[in-house]
Amino acid sequence: MNVWEEALSRVESKLNRHSFYTWFKPTSYIKADAAAVTVRVPNALFKEWLTKHYAAVIGEAMGEMERGISP
């Protein structure tokens, strides 16, 4: 499992099914390093929507991973 898949498993538990399948399922992992995770999204609307509406949820999931908290 890559870092984005692990993050998605945490995000999924925080959102309703419709929101998760609409906004997160179409994404895919590209790469990760110590500073960032790069994710492919279908288009600019997805990038804007995820950044505006879900940055906190993504950040929370990533923080849980860093602290070793189980999903």
PDB file of N, CA and C in Angstrom:
ATOM      1  N   MET A   1       0.860  -1.183   0.000  1.00  0.00           N
ATOM      2  CA  MET A   1       0.000   0.000   0.000  1.00  0.00           C
ATOM      3  C   MET A   1       0.899   1.236   0.000  1.00  0.00           C
ATOM      4  N   ASN A   2       0.630   2.168  -0.901  1.00  0.00           N
ATOM      5  CA  ASN A   2       1.413   3.405  -0.915  1.00  0.00           C
ATOM      6  C   ASN A   2       0.800   4.428   0.051  1.00  0.00           C
ATOM      7  N   VAL A   3       1.497   5.523   0.236  1.00  0.00           N
ATOM      8  CA  VAL A   3       1.097   6.522   1.221  1.00  0.00           C
ATOM      9  C   VAL A   3      -0.283   7.120   0.895  1.00  0.00           C
ATOM     10  N   TRP A   4      -0.587   7.310  -0.382  1.00  0.00           N
ATOM     11  CA  TRP A   4      -1.887   7.887  -0.750  1.00  0.00           C
ATOM     12  C   TRP A   4      -3.014   6.889  -0.472  1.00  0.00           C
ATOM     13  N   GLU A   5      -2.799   5.620  -0.763  1.00  0.00           N
ATOM     14  CA  GLU A   5      -3.827   4.613  -0.463  1.00  0.00           C
ATOM     15  C   GLU A   5      -4.105   4.550   1.032  1.00  0.00           C
ATOM     16  N   GLU A   6      -3.057   4.648   1.837  1.00  0.00           N
ATOM     17  CA  GLU A   6      -3.255   4.657   3.287  1.00  0.00           C
ATOM     18  C   GLU A   6      -4.020   5.903   3.717  1.00  0.00           C
ATOM     19  N   ALA A   7      -3.666   7.048   3.148  1.00  0.00           N
ATOM     20  CA  ALA A   7      -4.393   8.279   3.457  1.00  0.00           C
ATOM     21  C   ALA A   7      -5.856   8.155   3.048  1.00  0.00           C
ATOM     22  N   LEU A   8      -6.108   7.579   1.869  1.00  0.00           N
ATOM     23  CA  LEU A   8      -7.488   7.416   1.401  1.00  0.00           C
ATOM     24  C   LEU A   8      -8.300   6.534   2.339  1.00  0.00           C
ATOM     25  N   SER A   9      -7.691   5.502   2.889  1.00  0.00           N
ATOM     26  CA  SER A   9      -8.436   4.639   3.813  1.00  0.00           C
ATOM     27  C   SER A   9      -8.853   5.427   5.048  1.00  0.00           C
ATOM     28  N   ARG A  10      -8.051   6.381   5.464  1.00  0.00           N
ATOM     29  CA  ARG A  10      -8.397   7.220   6.607  1.00  0.00           C
ATOM     30  C   ARG A  10      -9.442   8.269   6.223  1.00  0.00           C
ATOM     31  N   VAL A  11      -9.262   8.875   5.058  1.00  0.00           N
ATOM     32  CA  VAL A  11     -10.216   9.881   4.581  1.00  0.00           C
ATOM     33  C   VAL A  11     -11.603   9.257   4.415  1.00  0.00           C
ATOM     34  N   GLU A  12     -11.647   8.049   3.875  1.00  0.00           N
ATOM     35  CA  GLU A  12     -12.931   7.387   3.642  1.00  0.00           C
ATOM     36  C   GLU A  12     -13.741   7.259   4.933  1.00  0.00           C
ATOM     37  N   SER A  13     -13.067   7.027   6.038  1.00  0.00           N
ATOM     38  CA  SER A  13     -13.777   6.874   7.316  1.00  0.00           C
ATOM     39  C   SER A  13     -14.304   8.203   7.856  1.00  0.00           C
ATOM     40  N   LYS A  14     -13.851   9.315   7.288  1.00  0.00           N
ATOM     41  CA  LYS A  14     -14.238  10.635   7.767  1.00  0.00           C
ATOM     42  C   LYS A  14     -15.333  11.297   6.920  1.00  0.00           C
ATOM     43  N   LEU A  15     -15.628  10.726   5.761  1.00  0.00           N
ATOM     44  CA  LEU A  15     -16.579  11.339   4.825  1.00  0.00           C
ATOM     45  C   LEU A  15     -17.753  10.414   4.542  1.00  0.00           C
ATOM     46  N   ASN A  16     -18.821  11.013   4.028  1.00  0.00           N
ATOM     47  CA  ASN A  16     -19.910  10.151   3.577  1.00  0.00           C
ATOM     48  C   ASN A  16     -19.487   9.480   2.273  1.00  0.00           C
ATOM     49  N   ARG A  17     -20.112   8.378   1.985  1.00  0.00           N
ATOM     50  CA  ARG A  17     -19.745   7.540   0.831  1.00  0.00           C
ATOM     51  C   ARG A  17     -19.785   8.311  -0.486  1.00  0.00           C
ATOM     52  N   HIS A  18     -20.820   9.097  -0.695  1.00  0.00           N
ATOM     53  CA  HIS A  18     -20.964   9.842  -1.943  1.00  0.00           C
ATOM     54  C   HIS A  18     -19.789  10.808  -2.152  1.00  0.00           C
ATOM     55  N   SER A  19     -19.452  11.574  -1.128  1.00  0.00           N
ATOM     56  CA  SER A  19     -18.345  12.532  -1.249  1.00  0.00           C
ATOM     57  C   SER A  19     -17.028  11.822  -1.524  1.00  0.00           C
ATOM     58  N   PHE A  20     -16.785  10.736  -0.808  1.00  0.00           N
ATOM     59  CA  PHE A  20     -15.535  10.014  -1.014  1.00  0.00           C
ATOM     60  C   PHE A  20     -15.439   9.469  -2.435  1.00  0.00           C
ATOM     61  N   TYR A  21     -16.490   8.811  -2.910  1.00  0.00           N
ATOM     62  CA  TYR A  21     -16.445   8.219  -4.244  1.00  0.00           C
ATOM     63  C   TYR A  21     -16.438   9.271  -5.351  1.00  0.00           C
ATOM     64  N   THR A  22     -17.038  10.424  -5.106  1.00  0.00           N
ATOM     65  CA  THR A  22     -17.035  11.487  -6.109  1.00  0.00           C
ATOM     66  C   THR A  22     -15.675  12.158  -6.212  1.00  0.00           C
ATOM     67  N   TRP A  23     -15.085  12.513  -5.072  1.00  0.00           N
ATOM     68  CA  TRP A  23     -13.898  13.359  -5.081  1.00  0.00           C
ATOM     69  C   TRP A  23     -12.575  12.636  -4.864  1.00  0.00           C
ATOM     70  N   PHE A  24     -12.577  11.499  -4.226  1.00  0.00           N
ATOM     71  CA  PHE A  24     -11.312  10.846  -3.909  1.00  0.00           C
ATOM     72  C   PHE A  24     -11.018   9.596  -4.734  1.00  0.00           C
ATOM     73  N   LYS A  25     -12.019   8.811  -5.077  1.00  0.00           N
ATOM     74  CA  LYS A  25     -11.779   7.588  -5.846  1.00  0.00           C
ATOM     75  C   LYS A  25     -11.130   7.862  -7.211  1.00  0.00           C
ATOM     76  N   PRO A  26     -11.448   8.968  -7.888  1.00  0.00           N
ATOM     77  CA  PRO A  26     -10.820   9.222  -9.194  1.00  0.00           C
ATOM     78  C   PRO A  26      -9.356   9.679  -9.117  1.00  0.00           C
ATOM     79  N   THR A  27      -8.806   9.811  -7.909  1.00  0.00           N
ATOM     80  CA  THR A  27      -7.423  10.241  -7.770  1.00  0.00           C
ATOM     81  C   THR A  27      -6.486   9.046  -7.815  1.00  0.00           C
ATOM     82  N   SER A  28      -5.211   9.318  -8.107  1.00  0.00           N
ATOM     83  CA  SER A  28      -4.228   8.241  -8.098  1.00  0.00           C
ATOM     84  C   SER A  28      -2.867   8.774  -7.643  1.00  0.00           C
ATOM     85  N   TYR A  29      -2.151   7.905  -7.001  1.00  0.00           N
ATOM     86  CA  TYR A  29      -0.822   8.207  -6.467  1.00  0.00           C
ATOM     87  C   TYR A  29       0.191   8.335  -7.589  1.00  0.00           C
ATOM     88  N   ILE A  30       1.065   9.336  -7.486  1.00  0.00           N
ATOM     89  CA  ILE A  30       2.174   9.476  -8.429  1.00  0.00           C
ATOM     90  C   ILE A  30       3.500   9.236  -7.713  1.00  0.00           C
ATOM     91  N   LYS A  31       3.771  10.034  -6.662  1.00  0.00           N
ATOM     92  CA  LYS A  31       5.026   9.862  -5.933  1.00  0.00           C
ATOM     93  C   LYS A  31       4.927  10.558  -4.574  1.00  0.00           C
ATOM     94  N   ALA A  32       5.903  10.255  -3.728  1.00  0.00           N
ATOM     95  CA  ALA A  32       5.985  10.901  -2.422  1.00  0.00           C
ATOM     96  C   ALA A  32       7.442  11.079  -2.057  1.00  0.00           C
ATOM     97  N   ASP A  33       7.715  12.148  -1.318  1.00  0.00           N
ATOM     98  CA  ASP A  33       9.029  12.340  -0.728  1.00  0.00           C
ATOM     99  C   ASP A  33       8.816  12.890   0.677  1.00  0.00           C
ATOM    100  N   ALA A  34       9.852  13.323   1.322  1.00  0.00           N
ATOM    101  CA  ALA A  34       9.741  13.787   2.709  1.00  0.00           C
ATOM    102  C   ALA A  34       8.864  15.032   2.848  1.00  0.00           C
ATOM    103  N   ALA A  35       8.715  15.784   1.774  1.00  0.00           N
ATOM    104  CA  ALA A  35       7.992  17.051   1.854  1.00  0.00           C
ATOM    105  C   ALA A  35       6.573  17.010   1.291  1.00  0.00           C
ATOM    106  N   ALA A  36       6.283  16.081   0.392  1.00  0.00           N
ATOM    107  CA  ALA A  36       4.992  16.135  -0.294  1.00  0.00           C
ATOM    108  C   ALA A  36       4.593  14.782  -0.876  1.00  0.00           C
ATOM    109  N   VAL A  37       3.300  14.655  -1.078  1.00  0.00           N
ATOM    110  CA  VAL A  37       2.729  13.518  -1.806  1.00  0.00           C
ATOM    111  C   VAL A  37       2.124  14.093  -3.082  1.00  0.00           C
ATOM    112  N   THR A  38       2.487  13.545  -4.210  1.00  0.00           N
ATOM    113  CA  THR A  38       1.954  14.008  -5.490  1.00  0.00           C
ATOM    114  C   THR A  38       0.868  13.036  -5.941  1.00  0.00           C
ATOM    115  N   VAL A  39      -0.293  13.614  -6.251  1.00  0.00           N
ATOM    116  CA  VAL A  39      -1.471  12.827  -6.606  1.00  0.00           C
ATOM    117  C   VAL A  39      -2.029  13.335  -7.928  1.00  0.00           C
ATOM    118  N   ARG A  40      -2.428  12.427  -8.796  1.00  0.00           N
ATOM    119  CA  ARG A  40      -3.070  12.791 -10.062  1.00  0.00           C
ATOM    120  C   ARG A  40      -4.568  12.943  -9.820  1.00  0.00           C
ATOM    121  N   VAL A  41      -5.128  14.018 -10.354  1.00  0.00           N
ATOM    122  CA  VAL A  41      -6.574  14.246 -10.299  1.00  0.00           C
ATOM    123  C   VAL A  41      -7.079  14.401 -11.728  1.00  0.00           C
ATOM    124  N   PRO A  42      -8.377  14.152 -11.952  1.00  0.00           N
ATOM    125  CA  PRO A  42      -8.891  14.179 -13.325  1.00  0.00           C
ATOM    126  C   PRO A  42      -8.790  15.526 -14.037  1.00  0.00           C
ATOM    127  N   ASN A  43      -8.921  16.620 -13.292  1.00  0.00           N
ATOM    128  CA  ASN A  43      -8.899  17.938 -13.931  1.00  0.00           C
ATOM    129  C   ASN A  43      -8.702  19.035 -12.884  1.00  0.00           C
ATOM    130  N   ALA A  44      -8.638  20.277 -13.350  1.00  0.00           N
ATOM    131  CA  ALA A  44      -8.387  21.421 -12.467  1.00  0.00           C
ATOM    132  C   ALA A  44      -9.511  21.614 -11.441  1.00  0.00           C
ATOM    133  N   LEU A  45     -10.740  21.289 -11.814  1.00  0.00           N
ATOM    134  CA  LEU A  45     -11.849  21.409 -10.873  1.00  0.00           C
ATOM    135  C   LEU A  45     -11.613  20.524  -9.657  1.00  0.00           C
ATOM    136  N   PHE A  46     -11.157  19.305  -9.877  1.00  0.00           N
ATOM    137  CA  PHE A  46     -10.866  18.402  -8.761  1.00  0.00           C
ATOM    138  C   PHE A  46      -9.792  18.997  -7.860  1.00  0.00           C
ATOM    139  N   LYS A  47      -8.732  19.497  -8.472  1.00  0.00           N
ATOM    140  CA  LYS A  47      -7.643  20.084  -7.680  1.00  0.00           C
ATOM    141  C   LYS A  47      -8.176  21.217  -6.811  1.00  0.00           C
ATOM    142  N   GLU A  48      -8.940  22.107  -7.407  1.00  0.00           N
ATOM    143  CA  GLU A  48      -9.490  23.243  -6.677  1.00  0.00           C
ATOM    144  C   GLU A  48     -10.444  22.781  -5.569  1.00  0.00           C
ATOM    145  N   TRP A  49     -11.334  21.856  -5.887  1.00  0.00           N
ATOM    146  CA  TRP A  49     -12.339  21.389  -4.930  1.00  0.00           C
ATOM    147  C   TRP A  49     -11.687  20.656  -3.749  1.00  0.00           C
ATOM    148  N   LEU A  50     -10.755  19.773  -4.058  1.00  0.00           N
ATOM    149  CA  LEU A  50     -10.083  19.037  -2.987  1.00  0.00           C
ATOM    150  C   LEU A  50      -9.289  19.981  -2.094  1.00  0.00           C
ATOM    151  N   THR A  51      -8.618  20.943  -2.696  1.00  0.00           N
ATOM    152  CA  THR A  51      -7.833  21.907  -1.923  1.00  0.00           C
ATOM    153  C   THR A  51      -8.742  22.779  -1.055  1.00  0.00           C
ATOM    154  N   LYS A  52      -9.809  23.256  -1.631  1.00  0.00           N
ATOM    155  CA  LYS A  52     -10.705  24.176  -0.912  1.00  0.00           C
ATOM    156  C   LYS A  52     -11.534  23.471   0.155  1.00  0.00           C
ATOM    157  N   HIS A  53     -12.069  22.298  -0.159  1.00  0.00           N
ATOM    158  CA  HIS A  53     -13.033  21.661   0.729  1.00  0.00           C
ATOM    159  C   HIS A  53     -12.481  20.518   1.580  1.00  0.00           C
ATOM    160  N   TYR A  54     -11.381  19.932   1.163  1.00  0.00           N
ATOM    161  CA  TYR A  54     -10.909  18.735   1.861  1.00  0.00           C
ATOM    162  C   TYR A  54      -9.465  18.802   2.347  1.00  0.00           C
ATOM    163  N   ALA A  55      -8.824  19.945   2.243  1.00  0.00           N
ATOM    164  CA  ALA A  55      -7.427  20.054   2.696  1.00  0.00           C
ATOM    165  C   ALA A  55      -7.291  19.675   4.167  1.00  0.00           C
ATOM    166  N   ALA A  56      -8.229  20.099   4.997  1.00  0.00           N
ATOM    167  CA  ALA A  56      -8.150  19.785   6.427  1.00  0.00           C
ATOM    168  C   ALA A  56      -8.294  18.290   6.676  1.00  0.00           C
ATOM    169  N   VAL A  57      -9.197  17.641   5.963  1.00  0.00           N
ATOM    170  CA  VAL A  57      -9.408  16.198   6.131  1.00  0.00           C
ATOM    171  C   VAL A  57      -8.166  15.420   5.662  1.00  0.00           C
ATOM    172  N   ILE A  58      -7.601  15.835   4.546  1.00  0.00           N
ATOM    173  CA  ILE A  58      -6.390  15.192   4.040  1.00  0.00           C
ATOM    174  C   ILE A  58      -5.248  15.413   5.030  1.00  0.00           C
ATOM    175  N   GLY A  59      -5.113  16.630   5.516  1.00  0.00           N
ATOM    176  CA  GLY A  59      -4.072  16.934   6.493  1.00  0.00           C
ATOM    177  C   GLY A  59      -4.221  16.126   7.767  1.00  0.00           C
ATOM    178  N   GLU A  60      -5.453  15.975   8.221  1.00  0.00           N
ATOM    179  CA  GLU A  60      -5.717  15.171   9.419  1.00  0.00           C
ATOM    180  C   GLU A  60      -5.306  13.716   9.192  1.00  0.00           C
ATOM    181  N   ALA A  61      -5.655  13.170   8.045  1.00  0.00           N
ATOM    182  CA  ALA A  61      -5.295  11.781   7.723  1.00  0.00           C
ATOM    183  C   ALA A  61      -3.781  11.615   7.662  1.00  0.00           C
ATOM    184  N   MET A  62      -3.098  12.548   7.035  1.00  0.00           N
ATOM    185  CA  MET A  62      -1.644  12.468   6.942  1.00  0.00           C
ATOM    186  C   MET A  62      -1.002  12.602   8.323  1.00  0.00           C
ATOM    187  N   GLY A  63      -1.542  13.477   9.149  1.00  0.00           N
ATOM    188  CA  GLY A  63      -1.034  13.641  10.502  1.00  0.00           C
ATOM    189  C   GLY A  63      -1.196  12.378  11.323  1.00  0.00           C
ATOM    190  N   GLU A  64      -2.332  11.714  11.174  1.00  0.00           N
ATOM    191  CA  GLU A  64      -2.554  10.444  11.872  1.00  0.00           C
ATOM    192  C   GLU A  64      -1.514   9.409  11.446  1.00  0.00           C
ATOM    193  N   MET A  65      -1.198   9.409  10.165  1.00  0.00           N
ATOM    194  CA  MET A  65      -0.197   8.470   9.657  1.00  0.00           C
ATOM    195  C   MET A  65       1.172   8.770  10.271  1.00  0.00           C
ATOM    196  N   GLU A  66       1.536  10.034  10.351  1.00  0.00           N
ATOM    197  CA  GLU A  66       2.829  10.414  10.923  1.00  0.00           C
ATOM    198  C   GLU A  66       2.918  10.026  12.397  1.00  0.00           C
ATOM    199  N   ARG A  67       1.794  10.141  13.099  1.00  0.00           N
ATOM    200  CA  ARG A  67       1.778   9.820  14.538  1.00  0.00           C
ATOM    201  C   ARG A  67       1.566   8.339  14.794  1.00  0.00           C
ATOM    202  N   GLY A  68       1.305   7.575  13.727  1.00  0.00           N
ATOM    203  CA  GLY A  68       1.129   6.136  13.882  1.00  0.00           C
ATOM    204  C   GLY A  68      -0.206   5.740  14.476  1.00  0.00           C
ATOM    205  N   ILE A  69      -1.214   6.583  14.296  1.00  0.00           N
ATOM    206  CA  ILE A  69      -2.551   6.292  14.803  1.00  0.00           C
ATOM    207  C   ILE A  69      -3.246   5.347  13.836  1.00  0.00           C
ATOM    208  N   SER A  70      -3.826   4.282  14.353  1.00  0.00           N
ATOM    209  CA  SER A  70      -4.536   3.308  13.516  1.00  0.00           C
ATOM    210  C   SER A  70      -5.836   3.908  12.996  1.00  0.00           C
ATOM    211  N   PRO A  71      -6.194   3.556  11.748  1.00  0.00           N
ATOM    212  CA  PRO A  71      -7.462   4.061  11.193  1.00  0.00           C
ATOM    213  C   PRO A  71      -8.673   3.492  11.898  1.00  0.00           C
TER     214      PRO A  71
END
